Every structure is written in C-alpha cells, then in structure tokens.
Amino acid sequence: IANHGRLQGIGSTIQTLPKEIRSLLFKDDAFDVDMINSVFNIATSLINTYNFYDNNKLQHLIDYSKNRQDYLINDLTKQTYITAMFYHSPEQYKKSYYQPKINALFDEIKEFQIQTLKNKHVFNIPKFKGTTGGDISYILCHEESKRLELILHEFKSIAIAPIYDGLIINKKDVDIESVVCKCNEILKDYSSKVINKPF
C-alpha cells in the first residue's frame, strides 16, 4: 500500500501508464474488473458500519451511491463529486442554478468529512497527512485497498495487476461472468460491487 493508501506497484508498473495505452496493450488479452462508484460506495459502507455517523445528515450522499446517474446533470460529472470529496471545502461547488438535492449533496460531503475526521482514530492508519482532503483520501483509499486485496487474493493466479479501484486479469480460459459474480459475493458485506469494464 502506497503512502496515499492505494495498492501500488513498486517502480515502473502498468498502473502508471495512461488509460489509452493500457487499453491498447490489454484490451485483446485481459479483462478490467472495476469497482462501481468506489469512493461513494465505500463512504456509504463506513456510514452503515460506524455508529458515530448521523445518517439523517447524509441521506443525499447515500442516495448518490445508489443513484449516481440522477446527479450527473448540468456540467456535473462523477469526477466532480470525487474531487469535491477530496477537497477541503466541497460546499464551494454549490451553484444557485443547481437542483436543491445537488447542493445538499455537496453540504453532506462536507458533513461526511467532519464526522469521519472527528473519529479518524478508528481506521487504524499509522500516519495521516494533516489536511482534510489528504486524510479523507487516505481513509477511503485504504478501505478501497482492503477490498481490492480480498479479490486479488482470490484471483491471484490470473491477476495481471491491480489498477486503482480495479484489477486487470488474464483473459485466457476465464469465464468473466463467474469472476464478477465471485468478486461481488466477496464484497457483498462492504457495499461494493464490480463490473467487467470495457477498456
């Protein structure tokens, strides 16, 4: 696990390649097993796991993890919300012309940050960065790595490499539907799911 909490290869790895290059190299010989909406599904998992979260103040965040498409309107993309999660003032993303639920989500991302960092000792992370965005990123990436390690352990014989919130696996003699099904069985208690994502 690298110092930002994610599983990271040592030295030069395919993780560092641009997405387009990875696609060119592996699309014919590998599958990309990818976590769906990783950041917010992990956030929802933490909310459901720890009793220090006030769920009543986080309803739009939970809804976003289930119904992300409903929030991808105007100029908003999934990357907008991920960036807001790792920003020290996500409420600054609010706009007067956004729907109320959109602005409420940005407020709730801030509330999630506050509640998480107030209780960050429970995550057993040896050293934090000392910034809002850095510490939230570290916690969520650390949780992501725990999930990824579970499926990596299960499929180590066909794994090529972990790639951020997913895993590239060898295509040869692999029933990808069975792999995805097994991954989702492993992750069912963690509010996480994977798909076979096209390169």
N, C-alpha and C. Protein backbone atom coordinates (compact mmCIF):
# COMPACT_ATOMS: atom_id res chain seq x y z
N ILE A 1 0.85 -1.18 0.00
CA ILE A 1 0.00 0.00 0.00
C ILE A 1 0.89 1.23 0.00
N ALA A 2 0.66 2.12 -0.94
CA ALA A 2 1.47 3.33 -1.05
C ALA A 2 1.08 4.34 0.01
N ASN A 3 1.83 5.44 0.10
CA ASN A 3 1.57 6.40 1.16
C ASN A 3 0.29 7.20 0.96
N HIS A 4 -0.45 6.94 -0.13
CA HIS A 4 -1.76 7.57 -0.29
C HIS A 4 -2.88 6.55 -0.03
N GLY A 5 -2.49 5.34 0.43
CA GLY A 5 -3.49 4.36 0.85
C GLY A 5 -3.89 3.36 -0.20
N ARG A 6 -3.50 3.56 -1.45
CA ARG A 6 -3.90 2.65 -2.52
C ARG A 6 -2.85 1.58 -2.75
N LEU A 7 -3.31 0.42 -3.27
CA LEU A 7 -2.37 -0.61 -3.68
C LEU A 7 -1.55 -0.06 -4.84
N GLN A 8 -0.26 -0.13 -4.71
CA GLN A 8 0.62 0.48 -5.71
C GLN A 8 1.79 -0.45 -5.99
N GLY A 9 2.08 -0.67 -7.26
CA GLY A 9 3.24 -1.45 -7.62
C GLY A 9 4.52 -0.70 -7.30
N ILE A 10 5.61 -1.43 -7.26
CA ILE A 10 6.91 -0.82 -6.97
C ILE A 10 7.62 -0.52 -8.28
N GLY A 11 8.14 0.70 -8.40
CA GLY A 11 8.86 1.09 -9.61
C GLY A 11 7.90 1.37 -10.76
N SER A 12 8.36 1.10 -11.97
CA SER A 12 7.53 1.34 -13.15
C SER A 12 6.55 0.19 -13.33
N THR A 13 5.26 0.49 -13.27
CA THR A 13 4.23 -0.53 -13.43
C THR A 13 3.20 -0.07 -14.44
N ILE A 14 2.31 -0.98 -14.82
CA ILE A 14 1.27 -0.61 -15.78
C ILE A 14 0.27 0.37 -15.17
N GLN A 15 0.27 0.48 -13.83
CA GLN A 15 -0.60 1.48 -13.18
C GLN A 15 -0.27 2.89 -13.63
N THR A 16 0.99 3.12 -13.92
CA THR A 16 1.43 4.48 -14.26
C THR A 16 1.19 4.83 -15.73
N LEU A 17 0.77 3.85 -16.51
CA LEU A 17 0.52 4.11 -17.93
C LEU A 17 -0.79 4.87 -18.11
N PRO A 18 -0.86 5.76 -19.07
CA PRO A 18 -2.14 6.40 -19.39
C PRO A 18 -3.19 5.35 -19.75
N LYS A 19 -4.43 5.65 -19.44
CA LYS A 19 -5.53 4.72 -19.69
C LYS A 19 -5.56 4.24 -21.14
N GLU A 20 -5.31 5.15 -22.09
CA GLU A 20 -5.36 4.80 -23.51
C GLU A 20 -4.29 3.78 -23.88
N ILE A 21 -3.12 3.90 -23.27
CA ILE A 21 -2.03 2.94 -23.54
C ILE A 21 -2.36 1.59 -22.94
N ARG A 22 -2.88 1.58 -21.70
CA ARG A 22 -3.30 0.31 -21.07
C ARG A 22 -4.33 -0.39 -21.94
N SER A 23 -5.28 0.37 -22.44
CA SER A 23 -6.32 -0.20 -23.28
C SER A 23 -5.73 -0.85 -24.53
N LEU A 24 -4.82 -0.15 -25.16
CA LEU A 24 -4.17 -0.66 -26.38
C LEU A 24 -3.42 -1.95 -26.10
N LEU A 25 -2.75 -2.01 -24.94
CA LEU A 25 -1.92 -3.17 -24.60
C LEU A 25 -2.73 -4.39 -24.17
N PHE A 26 -3.86 -4.14 -23.48
CA PHE A 26 -4.53 -5.26 -22.81
C PHE A 26 -5.93 -5.60 -23.30
N LYS A 27 -6.52 -4.78 -24.16
CA LYS A 27 -7.93 -5.00 -24.49
C LYS A 27 -8.20 -6.35 -25.14
N ASP A 28 -7.22 -6.92 -25.84
CA ASP A 28 -7.43 -8.21 -26.51
C ASP A 28 -7.10 -9.41 -25.62
N ASP A 29 -6.36 -9.17 -24.55
CA ASP A 29 -5.86 -10.29 -23.76
C ASP A 29 -6.26 -10.27 -22.28
N ALA A 30 -7.02 -9.25 -21.88
CA ALA A 30 -7.34 -9.13 -20.45
C ALA A 30 -8.72 -8.52 -20.24
N PHE A 31 -9.21 -8.69 -19.03
CA PHE A 31 -10.45 -8.04 -18.58
C PHE A 31 -10.10 -7.00 -17.52
N ASP A 32 -10.89 -5.96 -17.47
CA ASP A 32 -10.74 -4.93 -16.44
C ASP A 32 -11.91 -5.06 -15.47
N VAL A 33 -11.64 -5.64 -14.32
CA VAL A 33 -12.66 -5.81 -13.28
C VAL A 33 -12.58 -4.58 -12.38
N ASP A 34 -13.64 -3.79 -12.39
CA ASP A 34 -13.59 -2.45 -11.81
C ASP A 34 -14.70 -2.25 -10.79
N MET A 35 -14.36 -1.62 -9.65
CA MET A 35 -15.38 -1.32 -8.64
C MET A 35 -16.29 -0.20 -9.14
N ILE A 36 -17.58 -0.38 -8.92
CA ILE A 36 -18.57 0.62 -9.32
C ILE A 36 -18.62 1.73 -8.28
N ASN A 37 -18.50 2.98 -8.73
CA ASN A 37 -18.68 4.14 -7.85
C ASN A 37 -17.94 3.95 -6.53
N SER A 38 -16.69 3.58 -6.64
CA SER A 38 -15.90 3.13 -5.49
C SER A 38 -15.90 4.10 -4.32
N VAL A 39 -15.57 5.36 -4.55
CA VAL A 39 -15.42 6.33 -3.46
C VAL A 39 -16.70 6.45 -2.64
N PHE A 40 -17.83 6.62 -3.31
CA PHE A 40 -19.06 6.87 -2.58
C PHE A 40 -19.70 5.60 -2.02
N ASN A 41 -19.47 4.47 -2.67
CA ASN A 41 -19.95 3.22 -2.09
C ASN A 41 -19.15 2.87 -0.82
N ILE A 42 -17.87 3.18 -0.82
CA ILE A 42 -17.07 2.96 0.38
C ILE A 42 -17.50 3.93 1.48
N ALA A 43 -17.76 5.18 1.11
CA ALA A 43 -18.25 6.15 2.10
C ALA A 43 -19.55 5.66 2.72
N THR A 44 -20.46 5.15 1.89
CA THR A 44 -21.73 4.62 2.40
C THR A 44 -21.50 3.41 3.30
N SER A 45 -20.55 2.57 2.94
CA SER A 45 -20.21 1.42 3.78
C SER A 45 -19.75 1.87 5.17
N LEU A 46 -18.92 2.92 5.22
CA LEU A 46 -18.45 3.45 6.51
C LEU A 46 -19.63 4.00 7.31
N ILE A 47 -20.53 4.72 6.64
CA ILE A 47 -21.71 5.28 7.31
C ILE A 47 -22.55 4.16 7.93
N ASN A 48 -22.69 3.05 7.20
CA ASN A 48 -23.50 1.93 7.69
C ASN A 48 -22.79 1.09 8.74
N THR A 49 -21.46 1.22 8.80
CA THR A 49 -20.67 0.39 9.72
C THR A 49 -20.46 1.05 11.07
N TYR A 50 -20.19 2.34 11.09
CA TYR A 50 -19.82 3.03 12.33
C TYR A 50 -20.97 3.87 12.85
N ASN A 51 -21.24 3.73 14.15
CA ASN A 51 -22.40 4.42 14.72
C ASN A 51 -22.16 5.88 15.05
N PHE A 52 -20.95 6.40 14.76
CA PHE A 52 -20.72 7.81 15.02
C PHE A 52 -21.25 8.69 13.87
N TYR A 53 -21.65 8.07 12.76
CA TYR A 53 -22.23 8.84 11.67
C TYR A 53 -23.70 9.12 11.95
N ASP A 54 -24.14 10.33 11.64
CA ASP A 54 -25.55 10.70 11.73
C ASP A 54 -26.17 10.54 10.34
N ASN A 55 -26.80 9.39 10.13
CA ASN A 55 -27.34 9.07 8.80
C ASN A 55 -28.34 10.10 8.30
N ASN A 56 -29.07 10.73 9.24
CA ASN A 56 -30.08 11.71 8.83
C ASN A 56 -29.46 12.92 8.15
N LYS A 57 -28.19 13.16 8.40
CA LYS A 57 -27.50 14.29 7.78
C LYS A 57 -26.74 13.90 6.51
N LEU A 58 -26.90 12.64 6.10
CA LEU A 58 -26.11 12.12 4.98
C LEU A 58 -26.98 11.40 3.95
N GLN A 59 -28.26 11.71 3.89
CA GLN A 59 -29.18 10.97 3.04
C GLN A 59 -28.91 11.16 1.55
N HIS A 60 -28.50 12.34 1.13
CA HIS A 60 -28.21 12.56 -0.29
C HIS A 60 -26.92 11.86 -0.69
N LEU A 61 -25.96 11.82 0.22
CA LEU A 61 -24.71 11.11 -0.07
C LEU A 61 -24.99 9.62 -0.26
N ILE A 62 -25.83 9.07 0.61
CA ILE A 62 -26.20 7.65 0.48
C ILE A 62 -26.97 7.42 -0.82
N ASP A 63 -27.86 8.35 -1.15
CA ASP A 63 -28.64 8.24 -2.38
C ASP A 63 -27.74 8.31 -3.61
N TYR A 64 -26.72 9.18 -3.55
CA TYR A 64 -25.79 9.28 -4.67
C TYR A 64 -25.08 7.94 -4.93
N SER A 65 -24.75 7.24 -3.88
CA SER A 65 -24.05 5.97 -4.06
C SER A 65 -24.95 4.94 -4.75
N LYS A 66 -26.28 5.10 -4.61
CA LYS A 66 -27.21 4.16 -5.23
C LYS A 66 -27.70 4.64 -6.59
N ASN A 67 -27.82 5.95 -6.74
CA ASN A 67 -28.45 6.53 -7.93
C ASN A 67 -27.59 7.64 -8.53
N ARG A 68 -26.34 7.32 -8.77
CA ARG A 68 -25.39 8.33 -9.24
C ARG A 68 -25.87 9.06 -10.49
N GLN A 69 -26.49 8.33 -11.40
CA GLN A 69 -26.89 8.93 -12.68
C GLN A 69 -27.82 10.13 -12.48
N ASP A 70 -28.62 10.11 -11.42
CA ASP A 70 -29.56 11.20 -11.15
C ASP A 70 -28.85 12.51 -10.80
N TYR A 71 -27.57 12.42 -10.46
CA TYR A 71 -26.81 13.60 -10.04
C TYR A 71 -25.85 14.09 -11.13
N LEU A 72 -25.77 13.36 -12.23
CA LEU A 72 -24.85 13.75 -13.31
C LEU A 72 -25.61 14.61 -14.31
N ILE A 73 -25.91 15.84 -13.89
CA ILE A 73 -26.68 16.77 -14.70
C ILE A 73 -25.93 18.09 -14.79
N ASN A 74 -26.44 18.98 -15.62
CA ASN A 74 -25.76 20.25 -15.89
C ASN A 74 -24.32 19.94 -16.33
N ASP A 75 -23.36 20.55 -15.68
CA ASP A 75 -21.96 20.33 -16.04
C ASP A 75 -21.27 19.36 -15.09
N LEU A 76 -22.05 18.62 -14.34
CA LEU A 76 -21.50 17.76 -13.29
C LEU A 76 -21.19 16.36 -13.81
N THR A 77 -20.00 15.88 -13.48
CA THR A 77 -19.58 14.52 -13.83
C THR A 77 -19.24 13.77 -12.54
N LYS A 78 -19.02 12.47 -12.67
CA LYS A 78 -18.64 11.71 -11.48
C LYS A 78 -17.33 12.23 -10.90
N GLN A 79 -16.44 12.72 -11.76
CA GLN A 79 -15.17 13.26 -11.28
C GLN A 79 -15.36 14.52 -10.45
N THR A 80 -16.40 15.29 -10.75
CA THR A 80 -16.70 16.48 -9.96
C THR A 80 -16.93 16.10 -8.50
N TYR A 81 -17.72 15.07 -8.28
CA TYR A 81 -18.07 14.66 -6.92
C TYR A 81 -16.87 14.03 -6.20
N ILE A 82 -16.07 13.27 -6.94
CA ILE A 82 -14.87 12.68 -6.34
C ILE A 82 -13.91 13.79 -5.91
N THR A 83 -13.72 14.77 -6.79
CA THR A 83 -12.86 15.89 -6.46
C THR A 83 -13.38 16.64 -5.25
N ALA A 84 -14.70 16.83 -5.18
CA ALA A 84 -15.31 17.51 -4.03
C ALA A 84 -15.05 16.73 -2.75
N MET A 85 -15.13 15.41 -2.82
CA MET A 85 -14.89 14.57 -1.63
C MET A 85 -13.48 14.78 -1.09
N PHE A 86 -12.52 15.02 -1.97
CA PHE A 86 -11.13 15.16 -1.55
C PHE A 86 -10.69 16.63 -1.46
N TYR A 87 -11.67 17.53 -1.46
CA TYR A 87 -11.39 18.97 -1.38
C TYR A 87 -11.75 19.47 0.02
N HIS A 88 -11.03 20.45 0.51
CA HIS A 88 -11.26 20.90 1.89
C HIS A 88 -12.57 21.66 2.07
N SER A 89 -13.13 22.17 0.97
CA SER A 89 -14.39 22.93 1.08
C SER A 89 -15.37 22.50 -0.03
N PRO A 90 -15.91 21.29 0.04
CA PRO A 90 -16.79 20.81 -1.03
C PRO A 90 -18.04 21.67 -1.21
N GLU A 91 -18.44 22.39 -0.16
CA GLU A 91 -19.62 23.24 -0.28
C GLU A 91 -19.41 24.38 -1.28
N GLN A 92 -18.16 24.66 -1.62
CA GLN A 92 -17.87 25.70 -2.61
C GLN A 92 -18.28 25.29 -4.03
N TYR A 93 -18.60 24.02 -4.21
CA TYR A 93 -19.06 23.55 -5.52
C TYR A 93 -20.53 23.89 -5.76
N LYS A 94 -21.24 24.34 -4.75
CA LYS A 94 -22.66 24.65 -4.89
C LYS A 94 -22.87 25.82 -5.87
N LYS A 95 -23.97 25.74 -6.62
CA LYS A 95 -24.34 26.80 -7.55
C LYS A 95 -25.82 27.12 -7.37
N SER A 96 -26.17 28.36 -7.58
CA SER A 96 -27.56 28.78 -7.39
C SER A 96 -28.51 28.11 -8.37
N TYR A 97 -28.00 27.72 -9.54
CA TYR A 97 -28.87 27.11 -10.54
C TYR A 97 -28.93 25.58 -10.45
N TYR A 98 -28.20 24.98 -9.51
CA TYR A 98 -28.29 23.53 -9.33
C TYR A 98 -29.58 23.18 -8.59
N GLN A 99 -30.08 21.97 -8.82
CA GLN A 99 -31.21 21.47 -8.07
C GLN A 99 -30.86 21.41 -6.58
N PRO A 100 -31.85 21.58 -5.70
CA PRO A 100 -31.57 21.55 -4.26
C PRO A 100 -30.83 20.30 -3.81
N LYS A 101 -31.18 19.15 -4.40
CA LYS A 101 -30.52 17.92 -3.95
C LYS A 101 -29.03 17.91 -4.30
N ILE A 102 -28.65 18.59 -5.38
CA ILE A 102 -27.24 18.66 -5.76
C ILE A 102 -26.46 19.46 -4.71
N ASN A 103 -26.98 20.64 -4.38
CA ASN A 103 -26.32 21.47 -3.38
C ASN A 103 -26.33 20.80 -2.00
N ALA A 104 -27.42 20.07 -1.71
CA ALA A 104 -27.48 19.34 -0.44
C ALA A 104 -26.39 18.27 -0.40
N LEU A 105 -26.11 17.62 -1.53
CA LEU A 105 -25.06 16.61 -1.58
C LEU A 105 -23.70 17.21 -1.27
N PHE A 106 -23.40 18.36 -1.83
CA PHE A 106 -22.11 19.00 -1.53
C PHE A 106 -22.00 19.34 -0.04
N ASP A 107 -23.11 19.81 0.56
CA ASP A 107 -23.11 20.07 2.00
C ASP A 107 -22.88 18.78 2.80
N GLU A 108 -23.48 17.69 2.33
CA GLU A 108 -23.35 16.41 3.04
C GLU A 108 -21.96 15.80 2.87
N ILE A 109 -21.33 16.06 1.75
CA ILE A 109 -19.94 15.62 1.61
C ILE A 109 -19.09 16.29 2.69
N LYS A 110 -19.33 17.58 2.92
CA LYS A 110 -18.61 18.28 3.99
C LYS A 110 -18.95 17.67 5.34
N GLU A 111 -20.21 17.37 5.56
CA GLU A 111 -20.62 16.75 6.83
C GLU A 111 -19.95 15.39 7.01
N PHE A 112 -19.88 14.62 5.94
CA PHE A 112 -19.19 13.32 6.00
C PHE A 112 -17.72 13.52 6.37
N GLN A 113 -17.08 14.50 5.77
CA GLN A 113 -15.67 14.79 6.10
C GLN A 113 -15.52 15.09 7.60
N ILE A 114 -16.40 15.95 8.11
CA ILE A 114 -16.32 16.35 9.52
C ILE A 114 -16.49 15.14 10.44
N GLN A 115 -17.53 14.35 10.17
CA GLN A 115 -17.81 13.20 11.04
C GLN A 115 -16.71 12.15 10.94
N THR A 116 -16.15 11.97 9.76
CA THR A 116 -15.09 10.98 9.56
C THR A 116 -13.81 11.41 10.27
N LEU A 117 -13.40 12.65 10.06
CA LEU A 117 -12.12 13.11 10.61
C LEU A 117 -12.18 13.28 12.12
N LYS A 118 -13.36 13.52 12.65
CA LYS A 118 -13.52 13.62 14.10
C LYS A 118 -13.27 12.26 14.76
N ASN A 119 -13.42 11.20 13.98
CA ASN A 119 -13.28 9.84 14.51
C ASN A 119 -12.23 9.03 13.74
N LYS A 120 -11.26 9.71 13.16
CA LYS A 120 -10.32 9.02 12.27
C LYS A 120 -9.45 7.99 12.97
N HIS A 121 -9.37 8.07 14.30
CA HIS A 121 -8.56 7.10 15.04
C HIS A 121 -9.06 5.67 14.86
N VAL A 122 -10.35 5.48 14.52
CA VAL A 122 -10.91 4.13 14.42
C VAL A 122 -10.39 3.38 13.19
N PHE A 123 -9.77 4.09 12.25
CA PHE A 123 -9.37 3.45 11.00
C PHE A 123 -7.98 2.82 11.05
N ASN A 124 -7.32 2.94 12.18
CA ASN A 124 -6.02 2.28 12.38
C ASN A 124 -5.01 2.60 11.28
N ILE A 125 -4.95 3.85 10.92
CA ILE A 125 -3.97 4.30 9.93
C ILE A 125 -2.82 4.96 10.70
N PRO A 126 -1.59 4.51 10.49
CA PRO A 126 -0.48 4.96 11.34
C PRO A 126 -0.18 6.45 11.26
N LYS A 127 -0.31 7.04 10.10
CA LYS A 127 0.07 8.45 9.97
C LYS A 127 -0.83 9.14 8.95
N PHE A 128 -1.45 10.22 9.38
CA PHE A 128 -2.30 11.00 8.48
C PHE A 128 -1.52 12.18 7.91
N LYS A 129 -2.08 12.77 6.86
CA LYS A 129 -1.41 13.86 6.18
C LYS A 129 -1.64 15.20 6.87
N GLY A 130 -2.73 15.31 7.63
CA GLY A 130 -3.00 16.55 8.34
C GLY A 130 -3.79 17.57 7.56
N THR A 131 -4.33 17.17 6.40
CA THR A 131 -5.22 18.04 5.63
C THR A 131 -6.54 17.32 5.43
N THR A 132 -7.61 18.09 5.28
CA THR A 132 -8.94 17.48 5.11
C THR A 132 -8.97 16.54 3.92
N GLY A 133 -8.62 17.06 2.75
CA GLY A 133 -8.67 16.23 1.54
C GLY A 133 -7.71 15.06 1.59
N GLY A 134 -6.50 15.31 2.09
CA GLY A 134 -5.50 14.25 2.16
C GLY A 134 -5.91 13.14 3.10
N ASP A 135 -6.48 13.49 4.24
CA ASP A 135 -6.87 12.46 5.22
C ASP A 135 -8.10 11.68 4.76
N ILE A 136 -9.07 12.37 4.16
CA ILE A 136 -10.24 11.67 3.63
C ILE A 136 -9.82 10.73 2.50
N SER A 137 -8.95 11.21 1.63
CA SER A 137 -8.44 10.38 0.54
C SER A 137 -7.74 9.15 1.09
N TYR A 138 -6.91 9.35 2.10
CA TYR A 138 -6.16 8.24 2.68
C TYR A 138 -7.09 7.19 3.28
N ILE A 139 -8.11 7.64 4.01
CA ILE A 139 -9.06 6.71 4.63
C ILE A 139 -9.81 5.92 3.57
N LEU A 140 -10.36 6.61 2.58
CA LEU A 140 -11.16 5.92 1.55
C LEU A 140 -10.31 5.02 0.67
N CYS A 141 -9.10 5.47 0.34
CA CYS A 141 -8.21 4.62 -0.47
C CYS A 141 -7.72 3.41 0.33
N HIS A 142 -7.51 3.60 1.62
CA HIS A 142 -7.12 2.48 2.48
C HIS A 142 -8.24 1.43 2.52
N GLU A 143 -9.48 1.89 2.64
CA GLU A 143 -10.63 0.98 2.63
C GLU A 143 -10.77 0.30 1.26
N GLU A 144 -10.54 1.06 0.21
CA GLU A 144 -10.56 0.51 -1.15
C GLU A 144 -9.53 -0.62 -1.30
N SER A 145 -8.33 -0.38 -0.76
CA SER A 145 -7.26 -1.38 -0.85
C SER A 145 -7.63 -2.67 -0.13
N LYS A 146 -8.30 -2.55 1.00
CA LYS A 146 -8.72 -3.75 1.74
C LYS A 146 -9.65 -4.60 0.88
N ARG A 147 -10.56 -3.96 0.18
CA ARG A 147 -11.49 -4.68 -0.68
C ARG A 147 -10.76 -5.29 -1.87
N LEU A 148 -9.87 -4.51 -2.44
CA LEU A 148 -9.12 -4.99 -3.60
C LEU A 148 -8.22 -6.18 -3.24
N GLU A 149 -7.65 -6.14 -2.06
CA GLU A 149 -6.80 -7.25 -1.62
C GLU A 149 -7.59 -8.55 -1.50
N LEU A 150 -8.85 -8.45 -1.10
CA LEU A 150 -9.69 -9.65 -0.98
C LEU A 150 -9.88 -10.33 -2.33
N ILE A 151 -10.19 -9.52 -3.36
CA ILE A 151 -10.41 -10.15 -4.66
C ILE A 151 -9.08 -10.50 -5.34
N LEU A 152 -8.05 -9.74 -5.04
CA LEU A 152 -6.72 -10.06 -5.57
C LEU A 152 -6.25 -11.40 -5.03
N HIS A 153 -6.49 -11.64 -3.75
CA HIS A 153 -6.11 -12.92 -3.14
C HIS A 153 -6.88 -14.08 -3.78
N GLU A 154 -8.15 -13.86 -4.06
CA GLU A 154 -8.98 -14.91 -4.65
C GLU A 154 -8.53 -15.25 -6.08
N PHE A 155 -8.07 -14.24 -6.82
CA PHE A 155 -7.77 -14.44 -8.23
C PHE A 155 -6.30 -14.18 -8.56
N LYS A 156 -5.43 -14.43 -7.60
CA LYS A 156 -4.01 -14.13 -7.81
C LYS A 156 -3.40 -14.94 -8.96
N SER A 157 -3.96 -16.11 -9.25
CA SER A 157 -3.38 -16.93 -10.32
C SER A 157 -3.65 -16.35 -11.71
N ILE A 158 -4.67 -15.50 -11.84
CA ILE A 158 -4.98 -14.92 -13.15
C ILE A 158 -4.85 -13.39 -13.15
N ALA A 159 -4.45 -12.83 -12.02
CA ALA A 159 -4.32 -11.38 -11.93
C ALA A 159 -3.05 -10.90 -12.63
N ILE A 160 -3.19 -9.85 -13.40
CA ILE A 160 -2.03 -9.21 -14.02
C ILE A 160 -1.54 -8.07 -13.13
N ALA A 161 -2.48 -7.24 -12.66
CA ALA A 161 -2.10 -6.12 -11.79
C ALA A 161 -3.34 -5.45 -11.23
N PRO A 162 -3.23 -4.92 -10.00
CA PRO A 162 -4.30 -4.03 -9.52
C PRO A 162 -4.16 -2.67 -10.20
N ILE A 163 -5.28 -2.09 -10.56
CA ILE A 163 -5.27 -0.76 -11.18
C ILE A 163 -6.25 0.12 -10.40
N TYR A 164 -5.72 0.86 -9.44
CA TYR A 164 -6.52 1.79 -8.64
C TYR A 164 -7.70 1.06 -7.99
N ASP A 165 -8.93 1.25 -8.48
CA ASP A 165 -10.08 0.59 -7.85
C ASP A 165 -10.52 -0.64 -8.63
N GLY A 166 -9.56 -1.29 -9.28
CA GLY A 166 -9.90 -2.48 -10.05
C GLY A 166 -8.73 -3.43 -10.21
N LEU A 167 -8.94 -4.40 -11.08
CA LEU A 167 -7.96 -5.46 -11.26
C LEU A 167 -7.97 -5.89 -12.72
N ILE A 168 -6.80 -5.92 -13.34
CA ILE A 168 -6.69 -6.46 -14.69
C ILE A 168 -6.35 -7.94 -14.58
N ILE A 169 -7.17 -8.76 -15.22
CA ILE A 169 -6.95 -10.21 -15.15
C ILE A 169 -6.79 -10.79 -16.54
N ASN A 170 -6.04 -11.87 -16.59
CA ASN A 170 -5.76 -12.56 -17.85
C ASN A 170 -7.05 -13.13 -18.43
N LYS A 171 -7.25 -12.92 -19.71
CA LYS A 171 -8.48 -13.36 -20.37
C LYS A 171 -8.49 -14.86 -20.68
N LYS A 172 -7.32 -15.46 -20.76
CA LYS A 172 -7.21 -16.84 -21.24
C LYS A 172 -7.96 -17.81 -20.33
N ASP A 173 -8.88 -18.56 -20.92
CA ASP A 173 -9.64 -19.62 -20.22
C ASP A 173 -10.39 -19.08 -19.01
N VAL A 174 -10.84 -17.82 -19.06
CA VAL A 174 -11.54 -17.23 -17.92
C VAL A 174 -13.00 -16.97 -18.27
N ASP A 175 -13.89 -17.41 -17.40
CA ASP A 175 -15.31 -17.09 -17.51
C ASP A 175 -15.53 -15.80 -16.72
N ILE A 176 -15.57 -14.68 -17.40
CA ILE A 176 -15.60 -13.39 -16.73
C ILE A 176 -16.87 -13.21 -15.89
N GLU A 177 -17.97 -13.77 -16.33
CA GLU A 177 -19.21 -13.64 -15.54
C GLU A 177 -19.07 -14.33 -14.19
N SER A 178 -18.40 -15.46 -14.17
CA SER A 178 -18.16 -16.17 -12.90
C SER A 178 -17.21 -15.38 -12.00
N VAL A 179 -16.20 -14.75 -12.61
CA VAL A 179 -15.25 -13.94 -11.84
C VAL A 179 -15.97 -12.76 -11.20
N VAL A 180 -16.77 -12.06 -11.98
CA VAL A 180 -17.51 -10.89 -11.46
C VAL A 180 -18.46 -11.34 -10.36
N CYS A 181 -19.14 -12.43 -10.57
CA CYS A 181 -20.09 -12.95 -9.58
C CYS A 181 -19.37 -13.28 -8.27
N LYS A 182 -18.21 -13.93 -8.36
CA LYS A 182 -17.44 -14.29 -7.17
C LYS A 182 -16.93 -13.03 -6.46
N CYS A 183 -16.46 -12.06 -7.22
CA CYS A 183 -16.00 -10.80 -6.63
C CYS A 183 -17.12 -10.13 -5.84
N ASN A 184 -18.31 -10.10 -6.42
CA ASN A 184 -19.43 -9.45 -5.76
C ASN A 184 -19.90 -10.21 -4.53
N GLU A 185 -19.71 -11.52 -4.57
CA GLU A 185 -20.01 -12.33 -3.38
C GLU A 185 -19.03 -11.98 -2.26
N ILE A 186 -17.75 -11.83 -2.60
CA ILE A 186 -16.72 -11.48 -1.63
C ILE A 186 -16.97 -10.09 -1.04
N LEU A 187 -17.46 -9.17 -1.87
CA LEU A 187 -17.61 -7.76 -1.47
C LEU A 187 -18.99 -7.40 -0.94
N LYS A 188 -19.88 -8.38 -0.86
CA LYS A 188 -21.28 -8.06 -0.55
C LYS A 188 -21.46 -7.40 0.82
N ASP A 189 -20.58 -7.68 1.76
CA ASP A 189 -20.69 -7.06 3.08
C ASP A 189 -19.98 -5.70 3.17
N TYR A 190 -19.45 -5.24 2.06
CA TYR A 190 -18.67 -3.99 2.05
C TYR A 190 -19.32 -2.90 1.19
N SER A 191 -20.58 -3.08 0.82
CA SER A 191 -21.30 -2.11 -0.02
C SER A 191 -20.56 -1.82 -1.32
N SER A 192 -19.82 -2.80 -1.81
CA SER A 192 -19.05 -2.61 -3.06
C SER A 192 -19.43 -3.69 -4.06
N LYS A 193 -19.41 -3.31 -5.34
CA LYS A 193 -19.65 -4.24 -6.43
C LYS A 193 -18.68 -3.95 -7.55
N VAL A 194 -18.43 -4.96 -8.38
CA VAL A 194 -17.56 -4.77 -9.54
C VAL A 194 -18.32 -5.09 -10.82
N ILE A 195 -17.77 -4.60 -11.92
CA ILE A 195 -18.26 -4.95 -13.25
C ILE A 195 -17.07 -5.27 -14.14
N ASN A 196 -17.34 -5.92 -15.24
CA ASN A 196 -16.33 -6.08 -16.29
C ASN A 196 -16.39 -4.83 -17.13
N LYS A 197 -15.46 -3.93 -16.91
CA LYS A 197 -15.48 -2.62 -17.56
C LYS A 197 -14.74 -2.67 -18.89
N PRO A 198 -15.39 -2.25 -19.96
CA PRO A 198 -14.69 -2.25 -21.27
C PRO A 198 -13.45 -1.36 -21.23
N PHE A 199 -12.38 -1.81 -21.87
CA PHE A 199 -11.17 -0.98 -21.94
C PHE A 199 -11.44 0.24 -22.80
